[in-house]
Amino acid sequence: MDRSLNVPNLLALARIVMTPIVMAFVLLSDQIDHAFGIALAIFVPAAVTDFVDGYLARRWKITTILGAFLDSVADKVLVVGSLLVLIEVGRAWSWAAFIIIGREIAVMGLRAVVALEKSTVPPSFWGKSKTTFQFFAIGFALIRSDTEIGPFFFDEWLMLIAVFATVLSGWDYFRRYAGAFDPRDQIEAGSHEE
């Protein structure tokens, strides 16, 4: 059997496929009854697959490079796609999405630099936590209550926590892998090209 067609990889692919469906219901919320509820009913299983696919891959000992790639891409597609449509309908802040997306781009760049040294950047506690907070913030934004807690809605408070966890996880990755940007390595690399 082709190892790439295992259950964890299929779950990650399902997360990618479910993202545009969530986006469509949010964007059509003024035309479809209970569209936000339907979007949430699709978003929650999509988010849950993030935890299930990794658990199954480790339990069944079928972790693959393709699986790690799909899992990472699927998380980002779900979060970024959901945030973009929530901004469009006024249920998410563009500055928060900018920080979250910017952090993802920066960490992808860090992973690429570390990969040049034939090493990897494994997921951290803070990296996993920020994804969980992002999923909760997005989920509650989809079913936003009219009740405000102080100056913000409950989902907005969750989004603030998600942004904090996002920044903290990015800082943690760059702190741990700061050596990948050692200027001496750049000089040596340049001298090899001459």
N, C-alpha and C. Protein backbone atom coordinates (compact mmCIF):
# COMPACT_ATOMS: atom_id res chain seq x y z
N MET A 1 0.84 -1.20 0.00
CA MET A 1 0.00 0.00 0.00
C MET A 1 0.88 1.25 0.00
N ASP A 2 0.47 2.24 -0.74
CA ASP A 2 1.20 3.51 -0.81
C ASP A 2 1.10 4.20 0.55
N ARG A 3 2.27 4.44 1.19
CA ARG A 3 2.28 5.06 2.53
C ARG A 3 1.72 6.48 2.51
N SER A 4 1.72 7.13 1.36
CA SER A 4 1.20 8.50 1.30
C SER A 4 -0.32 8.54 1.40
N LEU A 5 -0.98 7.41 1.15
CA LEU A 5 -2.44 7.37 1.22
C LEU A 5 -2.92 6.82 2.56
N ASN A 6 -2.24 7.19 3.63
CA ASN A 6 -2.65 6.72 4.94
C ASN A 6 -3.71 7.64 5.54
N VAL A 7 -4.36 7.18 6.59
CA VAL A 7 -5.47 7.92 7.20
C VAL A 7 -5.04 9.31 7.69
N PRO A 8 -3.92 9.46 8.42
CA PRO A 8 -3.53 10.82 8.84
C PRO A 8 -3.37 11.79 7.68
N ASN A 9 -2.76 11.36 6.57
CA ASN A 9 -2.59 12.24 5.42
C ASN A 9 -3.93 12.58 4.79
N LEU A 10 -4.83 11.62 4.74
CA LEU A 10 -6.17 11.89 4.19
C LEU A 10 -6.94 12.87 5.07
N LEU A 11 -6.73 12.79 6.39
CA LEU A 11 -7.38 13.75 7.30
C LEU A 11 -6.85 15.16 7.07
N ALA A 12 -5.54 15.29 6.85
CA ALA A 12 -4.97 16.61 6.56
C ALA A 12 -5.52 17.15 5.24
N LEU A 13 -5.62 16.28 4.24
CA LEU A 13 -6.21 16.71 2.96
C LEU A 13 -7.66 17.12 3.14
N ALA A 14 -8.39 16.40 3.99
CA ALA A 14 -9.79 16.75 4.25
C ALA A 14 -9.88 18.14 4.87
N ARG A 15 -8.93 18.48 5.74
CA ARG A 15 -8.91 19.80 6.37
C ARG A 15 -8.74 20.89 5.30
N ILE A 16 -7.88 20.63 4.33
CA ILE A 16 -7.69 21.59 3.24
C ILE A 16 -8.97 21.73 2.41
N VAL A 17 -9.60 20.61 2.11
CA VAL A 17 -10.83 20.62 1.29
C VAL A 17 -11.98 21.31 2.02
N MET A 18 -12.05 21.15 3.34
CA MET A 18 -13.16 21.75 4.10
C MET A 18 -13.03 23.27 4.22
N THR A 19 -11.81 23.77 4.09
CA THR A 19 -11.59 25.22 4.28
C THR A 19 -12.41 26.08 3.32
N PRO A 20 -12.38 25.85 1.99
CA PRO A 20 -13.18 26.71 1.11
C PRO A 20 -14.68 26.56 1.35
N ILE A 21 -15.11 25.43 1.89
CA ILE A 21 -16.53 25.25 2.19
C ILE A 21 -16.91 26.16 3.37
N VAL A 22 -16.06 26.17 4.40
CA VAL A 22 -16.28 27.09 5.53
C VAL A 22 -16.31 28.52 5.01
N MET A 23 -15.34 28.86 4.17
CA MET A 23 -15.26 30.22 3.64
C MET A 23 -16.51 30.59 2.86
N ALA A 24 -17.01 29.67 2.07
CA ALA A 24 -18.19 29.95 1.24
C ALA A 24 -19.41 30.25 2.11
N PHE A 25 -19.61 29.47 3.16
CA PHE A 25 -20.77 29.71 4.02
C PHE A 25 -20.67 31.04 4.74
N VAL A 26 -19.47 31.41 5.19
CA VAL A 26 -19.30 32.71 5.85
C VAL A 26 -19.59 33.84 4.86
N LEU A 27 -19.05 33.74 3.66
CA LEU A 27 -19.24 34.80 2.67
C LEU A 27 -20.69 34.89 2.19
N LEU A 28 -21.41 33.79 2.26
CA LEU A 28 -22.82 33.77 1.82
C LEU A 28 -23.78 33.86 3.00
N SER A 29 -23.28 34.33 4.14
CA SER A 29 -24.11 34.34 5.35
C SER A 29 -25.34 35.23 5.23
N ASP A 30 -25.29 36.23 4.36
CA ASP A 30 -26.46 37.10 4.19
C ASP A 30 -27.49 36.48 3.24
N GLN A 31 -27.14 35.36 2.61
CA GLN A 31 -28.05 34.71 1.66
C GLN A 31 -28.52 33.33 2.12
N ILE A 32 -27.84 32.74 3.09
CA ILE A 32 -28.16 31.40 3.54
C ILE A 32 -28.53 31.43 5.02
N ASP A 33 -29.68 30.87 5.38
CA ASP A 33 -30.08 30.79 6.78
C ASP A 33 -29.10 29.93 7.56
N HIS A 34 -28.75 30.39 8.74
CA HIS A 34 -27.87 29.65 9.65
C HIS A 34 -26.51 29.35 9.04
N ALA A 35 -26.05 30.23 8.13
CA ALA A 35 -24.78 29.98 7.44
C ALA A 35 -23.61 29.91 8.41
N PHE A 36 -23.60 30.77 9.44
CA PHE A 36 -22.49 30.74 10.39
C PHE A 36 -22.49 29.43 11.19
N GLY A 37 -23.68 28.95 11.55
CA GLY A 37 -23.78 27.68 12.25
C GLY A 37 -23.30 26.52 11.39
N ILE A 38 -23.64 26.57 10.11
CA ILE A 38 -23.19 25.52 9.18
C ILE A 38 -21.67 25.60 9.02
N ALA A 39 -21.16 26.82 8.90
CA ALA A 39 -19.71 27.01 8.78
C ALA A 39 -19.01 26.44 10.01
N LEU A 40 -19.59 26.69 11.19
CA LEU A 40 -19.00 26.16 12.42
C LEU A 40 -19.04 24.64 12.43
N ALA A 41 -20.16 24.07 11.96
CA ALA A 41 -20.31 22.61 11.93
C ALA A 41 -19.29 21.95 11.00
N ILE A 42 -18.78 22.70 10.05
CA ILE A 42 -17.73 22.18 9.17
C ILE A 42 -16.34 22.51 9.74
N PHE A 43 -16.22 23.69 10.33
CA PHE A 43 -14.93 24.14 10.87
C PHE A 43 -14.47 23.26 12.04
N VAL A 44 -15.38 22.91 12.94
CA VAL A 44 -14.99 22.14 14.13
C VAL A 44 -14.39 20.78 13.76
N PRO A 45 -15.07 19.96 12.91
CA PRO A 45 -14.41 18.70 12.53
C PRO A 45 -13.09 18.93 11.79
N ALA A 46 -13.03 20.00 10.98
CA ALA A 46 -11.77 20.29 10.28
C ALA A 46 -10.66 20.57 11.29
N ALA A 47 -10.96 21.38 12.31
CA ALA A 47 -9.97 21.69 13.34
C ALA A 47 -9.58 20.44 14.13
N VAL A 48 -10.56 19.60 14.42
CA VAL A 48 -10.29 18.38 15.21
C VAL A 48 -9.36 17.45 14.45
N THR A 49 -9.46 17.43 13.11
CA THR A 49 -8.56 16.56 12.35
C THR A 49 -7.10 16.92 12.58
N ASP A 50 -6.82 18.17 12.97
CA ASP A 50 -5.44 18.58 13.25
C ASP A 50 -4.86 17.77 14.39
N PHE A 51 -5.67 17.49 15.40
CA PHE A 51 -5.20 16.74 16.55
C PHE A 51 -5.21 15.23 16.27
N VAL A 52 -6.22 14.79 15.52
CA VAL A 52 -6.38 13.37 15.26
C VAL A 52 -5.30 12.85 14.31
N ASP A 53 -4.99 13.60 13.24
CA ASP A 53 -4.03 13.07 12.26
C ASP A 53 -2.65 12.86 12.86
N GLY A 54 -2.19 13.81 13.66
CA GLY A 54 -0.88 13.64 14.29
C GLY A 54 -0.87 12.51 15.30
N TYR A 55 -1.95 12.41 16.08
CA TYR A 55 -2.05 11.33 17.07
C TYR A 55 -2.00 9.96 16.38
N LEU A 56 -2.79 9.81 15.32
CA LEU A 56 -2.83 8.52 14.62
C LEU A 56 -1.49 8.20 13.96
N ALA A 57 -0.87 9.21 13.37
CA ALA A 57 0.43 8.98 12.70
C ALA A 57 1.46 8.48 13.70
N ARG A 58 1.49 9.08 14.89
CA ARG A 58 2.44 8.63 15.90
C ARG A 58 2.07 7.26 16.46
N ARG A 59 0.78 7.07 16.73
CA ARG A 59 0.33 5.80 17.32
C ARG A 59 0.57 4.63 16.37
N TRP A 60 0.29 4.84 15.10
CA TRP A 60 0.44 3.77 14.10
C TRP A 60 1.84 3.73 13.50
N LYS A 61 2.71 4.66 13.96
CA LYS A 61 4.10 4.72 13.47
C LYS A 61 4.16 4.86 11.94
N ILE A 62 3.36 5.78 11.43
CA ILE A 62 3.36 6.03 9.98
C ILE A 62 3.63 7.51 9.69
N THR A 63 4.51 8.09 10.50
CA THR A 63 4.87 9.49 10.25
C THR A 63 5.75 9.54 9.00
N THR A 64 5.44 10.50 8.14
CA THR A 64 6.19 10.67 6.90
C THR A 64 6.48 12.15 6.69
N ILE A 65 7.43 12.44 5.84
CA ILE A 65 7.73 13.83 5.50
C ILE A 65 6.52 14.47 4.83
N LEU A 66 5.87 13.72 3.93
CA LEU A 66 4.65 14.23 3.29
C LEU A 66 3.58 14.53 4.32
N GLY A 67 3.43 13.66 5.30
CA GLY A 67 2.42 13.88 6.34
C GLY A 67 2.70 15.13 7.14
N ALA A 68 3.95 15.34 7.52
CA ALA A 68 4.32 16.55 8.27
C ALA A 68 4.05 17.80 7.44
N PHE A 69 4.36 17.72 6.15
CA PHE A 69 4.11 18.85 5.24
C PHE A 69 2.61 19.13 5.13
N LEU A 70 1.83 18.08 4.86
CA LEU A 70 0.38 18.25 4.71
C LEU A 70 -0.26 18.79 5.98
N ASP A 71 0.16 18.29 7.13
CA ASP A 71 -0.39 18.73 8.40
C ASP A 71 -0.14 20.22 8.61
N SER A 72 1.08 20.64 8.35
CA SER A 72 1.44 22.04 8.54
C SER A 72 0.69 22.95 7.56
N VAL A 73 0.65 22.54 6.30
CA VAL A 73 -0.06 23.34 5.28
C VAL A 73 -1.55 23.41 5.59
N ALA A 74 -2.14 22.27 5.98
CA ALA A 74 -3.57 22.23 6.25
C ALA A 74 -3.95 23.17 7.40
N ASP A 75 -3.13 23.20 8.45
CA ASP A 75 -3.39 24.12 9.57
C ASP A 75 -3.42 25.56 9.09
N LYS A 76 -2.41 25.91 8.31
CA LYS A 76 -2.29 27.30 7.86
C LYS A 76 -3.41 27.67 6.90
N VAL A 77 -3.77 26.75 6.02
CA VAL A 77 -4.86 27.01 5.07
C VAL A 77 -6.16 27.25 5.83
N LEU A 78 -6.45 26.41 6.82
CA LEU A 78 -7.69 26.55 7.58
C LEU A 78 -7.72 27.86 8.36
N VAL A 79 -6.64 28.18 9.05
CA VAL A 79 -6.60 29.40 9.86
C VAL A 79 -6.64 30.64 8.97
N VAL A 80 -5.79 30.69 7.96
CA VAL A 80 -5.72 31.89 7.11
C VAL A 80 -7.01 32.08 6.32
N GLY A 81 -7.54 31.01 5.73
CA GLY A 81 -8.79 31.11 4.98
C GLY A 81 -9.93 31.59 5.86
N SER A 82 -10.03 31.04 7.05
CA SER A 82 -11.10 31.43 7.97
C SER A 82 -10.94 32.88 8.42
N LEU A 83 -9.72 33.27 8.75
CA LEU A 83 -9.50 34.66 9.17
C LEU A 83 -9.85 35.65 8.07
N LEU A 84 -9.48 35.34 6.84
CA LEU A 84 -9.74 36.28 5.74
C LEU A 84 -11.23 36.51 5.55
N VAL A 85 -12.03 35.44 5.62
CA VAL A 85 -13.47 35.66 5.43
C VAL A 85 -14.10 36.31 6.65
N LEU A 86 -13.56 36.05 7.84
CA LEU A 86 -14.08 36.71 9.04
C LEU A 86 -13.79 38.21 9.00
N ILE A 87 -12.64 38.59 8.44
CA ILE A 87 -12.36 40.02 8.24
C ILE A 87 -13.38 40.61 7.28
N GLU A 88 -13.65 39.87 6.21
CA GLU A 88 -14.59 40.34 5.18
C GLU A 88 -15.98 40.64 5.75
N VAL A 89 -16.42 39.84 6.74
CA VAL A 89 -17.76 40.04 7.32
C VAL A 89 -17.71 40.80 8.64
N GLY A 90 -16.55 41.34 8.98
CA GLY A 90 -16.44 42.19 10.16
C GLY A 90 -16.37 41.45 11.48
N ARG A 91 -15.91 40.21 11.46
CA ARG A 91 -15.83 39.44 12.71
C ARG A 91 -14.39 39.12 13.12
N ALA A 92 -13.42 39.71 12.47
CA ALA A 92 -12.02 39.56 12.87
C ALA A 92 -11.27 40.84 12.51
N TRP A 93 -10.24 41.12 13.26
CA TRP A 93 -9.42 42.30 13.02
C TRP A 93 -8.35 42.00 11.98
N SER A 94 -8.15 42.93 11.05
CA SER A 94 -7.12 42.72 10.03
C SER A 94 -5.73 42.74 10.66
N TRP A 95 -5.51 43.56 11.68
CA TRP A 95 -4.19 43.62 12.31
C TRP A 95 -3.85 42.29 12.98
N ALA A 96 -4.86 41.62 13.57
CA ALA A 96 -4.61 40.33 14.21
C ALA A 96 -4.26 39.29 13.15
N ALA A 97 -4.99 39.31 12.04
CA ALA A 97 -4.69 38.38 10.95
C ALA A 97 -3.30 38.64 10.39
N PHE A 98 -2.91 39.90 10.29
CA PHE A 98 -1.58 40.25 9.80
C PHE A 98 -0.49 39.65 10.68
N ILE A 99 -0.66 39.76 12.00
CA ILE A 99 0.33 39.20 12.93
C ILE A 99 0.39 37.68 12.80
N ILE A 100 -0.78 37.05 12.74
CA ILE A 100 -0.83 35.59 12.65
C ILE A 100 -0.21 35.10 11.34
N ILE A 101 -0.59 35.73 10.24
CA ILE A 101 -0.05 35.31 8.94
C ILE A 101 1.44 35.65 8.84
N GLY A 102 1.82 36.81 9.34
CA GLY A 102 3.23 37.19 9.33
C GLY A 102 4.10 36.22 10.11
N ARG A 103 3.61 35.78 11.25
CA ARG A 103 4.35 34.81 12.05
C ARG A 103 4.51 33.50 11.28
N GLU A 104 3.45 33.06 10.60
CA GLU A 104 3.53 31.81 9.84
C GLU A 104 4.58 31.91 8.73
N ILE A 105 4.61 33.04 8.04
CA ILE A 105 5.59 33.24 6.97
C ILE A 105 7.00 33.26 7.56
N ALA A 106 7.18 33.95 8.69
CA ALA A 106 8.50 34.03 9.31
C ALA A 106 8.99 32.66 9.76
N VAL A 107 8.12 31.87 10.37
CA VAL A 107 8.54 30.55 10.85
C VAL A 107 8.80 29.62 9.67
N MET A 108 8.03 29.76 8.58
CA MET A 108 8.33 28.96 7.38
C MET A 108 9.72 29.31 6.85
N GLY A 109 10.05 30.59 6.87
CA GLY A 109 11.39 31.01 6.46
C GLY A 109 12.47 30.44 7.37
N LEU A 110 12.21 30.46 8.67
CA LEU A 110 13.14 29.88 9.63
C LEU A 110 13.35 28.40 9.35
N ARG A 111 12.26 27.69 9.11
CA ARG A 111 12.36 26.25 8.81
C ARG A 111 13.22 26.02 7.56
N ALA A 112 13.07 26.90 6.56
CA ALA A 112 13.86 26.76 5.33
C ALA A 112 15.35 26.97 5.61
N VAL A 113 15.67 27.97 6.44
CA VAL A 113 17.07 28.25 6.78
C VAL A 113 17.66 27.07 7.56
N VAL A 114 16.90 26.57 8.53
CA VAL A 114 17.37 25.44 9.34
C VAL A 114 17.53 24.21 8.47
N ALA A 115 16.65 24.04 7.48
CA ALA A 115 16.74 22.88 6.58
C ALA A 115 18.03 22.92 5.76
N LEU A 116 18.56 24.12 5.49
CA LEU A 116 19.83 24.22 4.77
C LEU A 116 20.95 23.55 5.55
N GLU A 117 20.80 23.52 6.87
CA GLU A 117 21.79 22.86 7.73
C GLU A 117 21.43 21.39 7.94
N LYS A 118 20.50 20.90 7.14
CA LYS A 118 20.05 19.51 7.22
C LYS A 118 19.48 19.18 8.59
N SER A 119 18.73 20.13 9.13
CA SER A 119 18.09 19.95 10.42
C SER A 119 16.61 20.29 10.28
N THR A 120 15.86 20.10 11.34
CA THR A 120 14.43 20.40 11.31
C THR A 120 14.05 21.24 12.52
N VAL A 121 12.88 21.87 12.43
CA VAL A 121 12.32 22.63 13.54
C VAL A 121 11.06 21.89 13.98
N PRO A 122 11.16 21.07 15.01
CA PRO A 122 9.98 20.31 15.44
C PRO A 122 8.95 21.23 16.09
N PRO A 123 7.68 20.83 16.06
CA PRO A 123 6.64 21.64 16.72
C PRO A 123 6.95 21.80 18.21
N SER A 124 6.61 22.95 18.74
CA SER A 124 6.84 23.21 20.16
C SER A 124 5.51 23.28 20.90
N PHE A 125 5.59 23.32 22.21
CA PHE A 125 4.38 23.47 23.03
C PHE A 125 3.64 24.74 22.64
N TRP A 126 4.40 25.85 22.50
CA TRP A 126 3.76 27.13 22.16
C TRP A 126 3.20 27.12 20.75
N GLY A 127 3.88 26.43 19.83
CA GLY A 127 3.36 26.32 18.47
C GLY A 127 2.03 25.59 18.44
N LYS A 128 1.93 24.51 19.20
CA LYS A 128 0.67 23.78 19.26
C LYS A 128 -0.40 24.58 19.99
N SER A 129 0.00 25.29 21.04
CA SER A 129 -0.95 26.09 21.81
C SER A 129 -1.55 27.22 20.98
N LYS A 130 -0.71 27.88 20.19
CA LYS A 130 -1.22 29.00 19.39
C LYS A 130 -2.24 28.51 18.38
N THR A 131 -2.02 27.31 17.81
CA THR A 131 -3.00 26.76 16.86
C THR A 131 -4.32 26.50 17.56
N THR A 132 -4.27 25.95 18.77
CA THR A 132 -5.48 25.68 19.54
C THR A 132 -6.22 26.97 19.84
N PHE A 133 -5.51 28.00 20.29
CA PHE A 133 -6.15 29.29 20.58
C PHE A 133 -6.75 29.90 19.32
N GLN A 134 -6.04 29.79 18.20
CA GLN A 134 -6.56 30.32 16.94
C GLN A 134 -7.85 29.60 16.55
N PHE A 135 -7.87 28.28 16.68
CA PHE A 135 -9.07 27.52 16.34
C PHE A 135 -10.25 27.94 17.23
N PHE A 136 -10.01 28.10 18.53
CA PHE A 136 -11.09 28.51 19.44
C PHE A 136 -11.59 29.91 19.10
N ALA A 137 -10.67 30.83 18.84
CA ALA A 137 -11.06 32.21 18.51
C ALA A 137 -11.90 32.24 17.24
N ILE A 138 -11.48 31.50 16.22
CA ILE A 138 -12.23 31.46 14.97
C ILE A 138 -13.58 30.80 15.16
N GLY A 139 -13.61 29.69 15.89
CA GLY A 139 -14.87 29.00 16.14
C GLY A 139 -15.88 29.88 16.84
N PHE A 140 -15.44 30.60 17.87
CA PHE A 140 -16.36 31.48 18.59
C PHE A 140 -16.74 32.71 17.77
N ALA A 141 -15.86 33.15 16.88
CA ALA A 141 -16.21 34.26 15.99
C ALA A 141 -17.33 33.85 15.03
N LEU A 142 -17.35 32.56 14.65
CA LEU A 142 -18.40 32.08 13.75
C LEU A 142 -19.77 32.09 14.42
N ILE A 143 -19.80 31.96 15.75
CA ILE A 143 -21.09 31.96 16.46
C ILE A 143 -21.16 33.13 17.44
N ARG A 144 -20.64 34.24 17.03
CA ARG A 144 -20.52 35.42 17.90
C ARG A 144 -21.82 35.72 18.64
N SER A 145 -21.67 35.90 19.94
CA SER A 145 -22.79 36.32 20.79
C SER A 145 -22.88 37.84 20.77
N ASP A 146 -24.07 38.38 20.99
CA ASP A 146 -24.24 39.84 21.02
C ASP A 146 -23.73 40.44 22.31
N THR A 147 -23.39 39.60 23.28
CA THR A 147 -22.95 40.08 24.59
C THR A 147 -21.48 40.46 24.56
N GLU A 148 -21.21 41.68 24.99
CA GLU A 148 -19.83 42.14 25.06
C GLU A 148 -19.33 41.99 26.49
N ILE A 149 -18.05 41.66 26.61
CA ILE A 149 -17.40 41.59 27.91
C ILE A 149 -16.42 42.76 27.95
N GLY A 150 -16.82 43.82 28.62
CA GLY A 150 -16.01 45.04 28.57
C GLY A 150 -16.08 45.60 27.16
N PRO A 151 -14.92 45.95 26.58
CA PRO A 151 -14.92 46.56 25.25
C PRO A 151 -15.02 45.57 24.08
N PHE A 152 -14.93 44.27 24.37
CA PHE A 152 -14.86 43.29 23.28
C PHE A 152 -15.88 42.18 23.43
N PHE A 153 -16.15 41.49 22.31
CA PHE A 153 -16.92 40.25 22.34
C PHE A 153 -16.01 39.14 22.87
N PHE A 154 -16.63 38.04 23.32
CA PHE A 154 -15.86 36.92 23.87
C PHE A 154 -14.83 36.41 22.85
N ASP A 155 -15.26 36.27 21.58
CA ASP A 155 -14.33 35.75 20.57
C ASP A 155 -13.17 36.71 20.34
N GLU A 156 -13.41 38.01 20.54
CA GLU A 156 -12.32 38.98 20.36
C GLU A 156 -11.30 38.85 21.48
N TRP A 157 -11.76 38.57 22.69
CA TRP A 157 -10.82 38.29 23.78
C TRP A 157 -9.98 37.06 23.45
N LEU A 158 -10.66 36.02 22.92
CA LEU A 158 -9.94 34.81 22.52
C LEU A 158 -8.92 35.12 21.42
N MET A 159 -9.29 36.00 20.49
CA MET A 159 -8.37 36.37 19.42
C MET A 159 -7.16 37.10 19.98
N LEU A 160 -7.35 37.95 20.99
CA LEU A 160 -6.21 38.61 21.63
C LEU A 160 -5.27 37.58 22.25
N ILE A 161 -5.84 36.57 22.89
CA ILE A 161 -5.02 35.50 23.48
C ILE A 161 -4.29 34.75 22.37
N ALA A 162 -5.00 34.48 21.26
CA ALA A 162 -4.39 33.77 20.13
C ALA A 162 -3.23 34.58 19.55
N VAL A 163 -3.40 35.89 19.43
CA VAL A 163 -2.32 36.75 18.91
C VAL A 163 -1.13 36.71 19.86
N PHE A 164 -1.39 36.78 21.16
CA PHE A 164 -0.31 36.72 22.14
C PHE A 164 0.44 35.39 22.02
N ALA A 165 -0.30 34.28 21.96
CA ALA A 165 0.33 32.95 21.84
C ALA A 165 1.09 32.84 20.52
N THR A 166 0.57 33.46 19.46
CA THR A 166 1.23 33.44 18.15
C THR A 166 2.58 34.16 18.21
N VAL A 167 2.58 35.34 18.82
CA VAL A 167 3.83 36.10 18.95
C VAL A 167 4.82 35.35 19.84
N LEU A 168 4.32 34.82 20.94
CA LEU A 168 5.18 34.10 21.88
C LEU A 168 5.79 32.85 21.22
N SER A 169 5.00 32.13 20.44
CA SER A 169 5.52 30.93 19.80
C SER A 169 6.56 31.29 18.74
N GLY A 170 6.31 32.38 18.00
CA GLY A 170 7.29 32.83 17.01
C GLY A 170 8.60 33.23 17.67
N TRP A 171 8.50 33.98 18.77
CA TRP A 171 9.69 34.38 19.52
C TRP A 171 10.44 33.15 20.01
N ASP A 172 9.70 32.15 20.53
CA ASP A 172 10.32 30.94 21.05
C ASP A 172 11.09 30.20 19.96
N TYR A 173 10.49 30.07 18.77
CA TYR A 173 11.19 29.40 17.67
C TYR A 173 12.47 30.15 17.30
N PHE A 174 12.38 31.46 17.15
CA PHE A 174 13.56 32.23 16.73
C PHE A 174 14.63 32.27 17.82
N ARG A 175 14.20 32.26 19.08
CA ARG A 175 15.16 32.21 20.19
C ARG A 175 15.94 30.90 20.16
N ARG A 176 15.21 29.79 19.95
CA ARG A 176 15.85 28.47 19.97
C ARG A 176 16.73 28.22 18.76
N TYR A 177 16.42 28.84 17.63
CA TYR A 177 17.16 28.57 16.40
C TYR A 177 17.91 29.79 15.89
N ALA A 178 18.23 30.70 16.80
CA ALA A 178 18.96 31.92 16.41
C ALA A 178 20.31 31.59 15.78
N GLY A 179 20.91 30.48 16.16
CA GLY A 179 22.20 30.08 15.61
C GLY A 179 22.17 29.84 14.11
N ALA A 180 20.98 29.60 13.56
CA ALA A 180 20.87 29.37 12.11
C ALA A 180 21.23 30.63 11.32
N PHE A 181 21.23 31.78 12.01
CA PHE A 181 21.53 33.05 11.34
C PHE A 181 22.91 33.57 11.71
N ASP A 182 23.81 32.68 12.10
CA ASP A 182 25.17 33.06 12.49
C ASP A 182 25.88 33.69 11.29
N PRO A 183 26.34 34.93 11.43
CA PRO A 183 27.00 35.60 10.30
C PRO A 183 28.23 34.86 9.78
N ARG A 184 28.92 34.12 10.65
CA ARG A 184 30.10 33.37 10.21
C ARG A 184 29.72 32.30 9.19
N ASP A 185 28.54 31.70 9.39
CA ASP A 185 28.08 30.70 8.42
C ASP A 185 27.85 31.35 7.06
N GLN A 186 27.33 32.56 7.06
CA GLN A 186 27.06 33.25 5.80
C GLN A 186 28.37 33.57 5.08
N ILE A 187 29.39 33.98 5.85
CA ILE A 187 30.68 34.30 5.24
C ILE A 187 31.29 33.03 4.65
N GLU A 188 31.23 31.95 5.42
CA GLU A 188 31.79 30.69 4.95
C GLU A 188 31.05 30.21 3.71
N ALA A 189 29.73 30.33 3.72
CA ALA A 189 28.95 29.90 2.57
C ALA A 189 29.32 30.72 1.34
N GLY A 190 29.54 32.03 1.54
CA GLY A 190 29.93 32.90 0.44
C GLY A 190 31.31 32.55 -0.09
N SER A 191 32.23 32.18 0.83
CA SER A 191 33.58 31.86 0.39
C SER A 191 33.62 30.55 -0.40
N HIS A 192 32.68 29.63 -0.12
CA HIS A 192 32.63 28.38 -0.88
C HIS A 192 32.18 28.63 -2.32
N GLU A 193 31.41 29.68 -2.52
CA GLU A 193 30.89 29.95 -3.87
C GLU A 193 31.93 30.60 -4.74
N GLU A 194 32.95 31.23 -4.15
CA GLU A 194 33.95 31.96 -4.93
C GLU A 194 34.91 31.01 -5.64
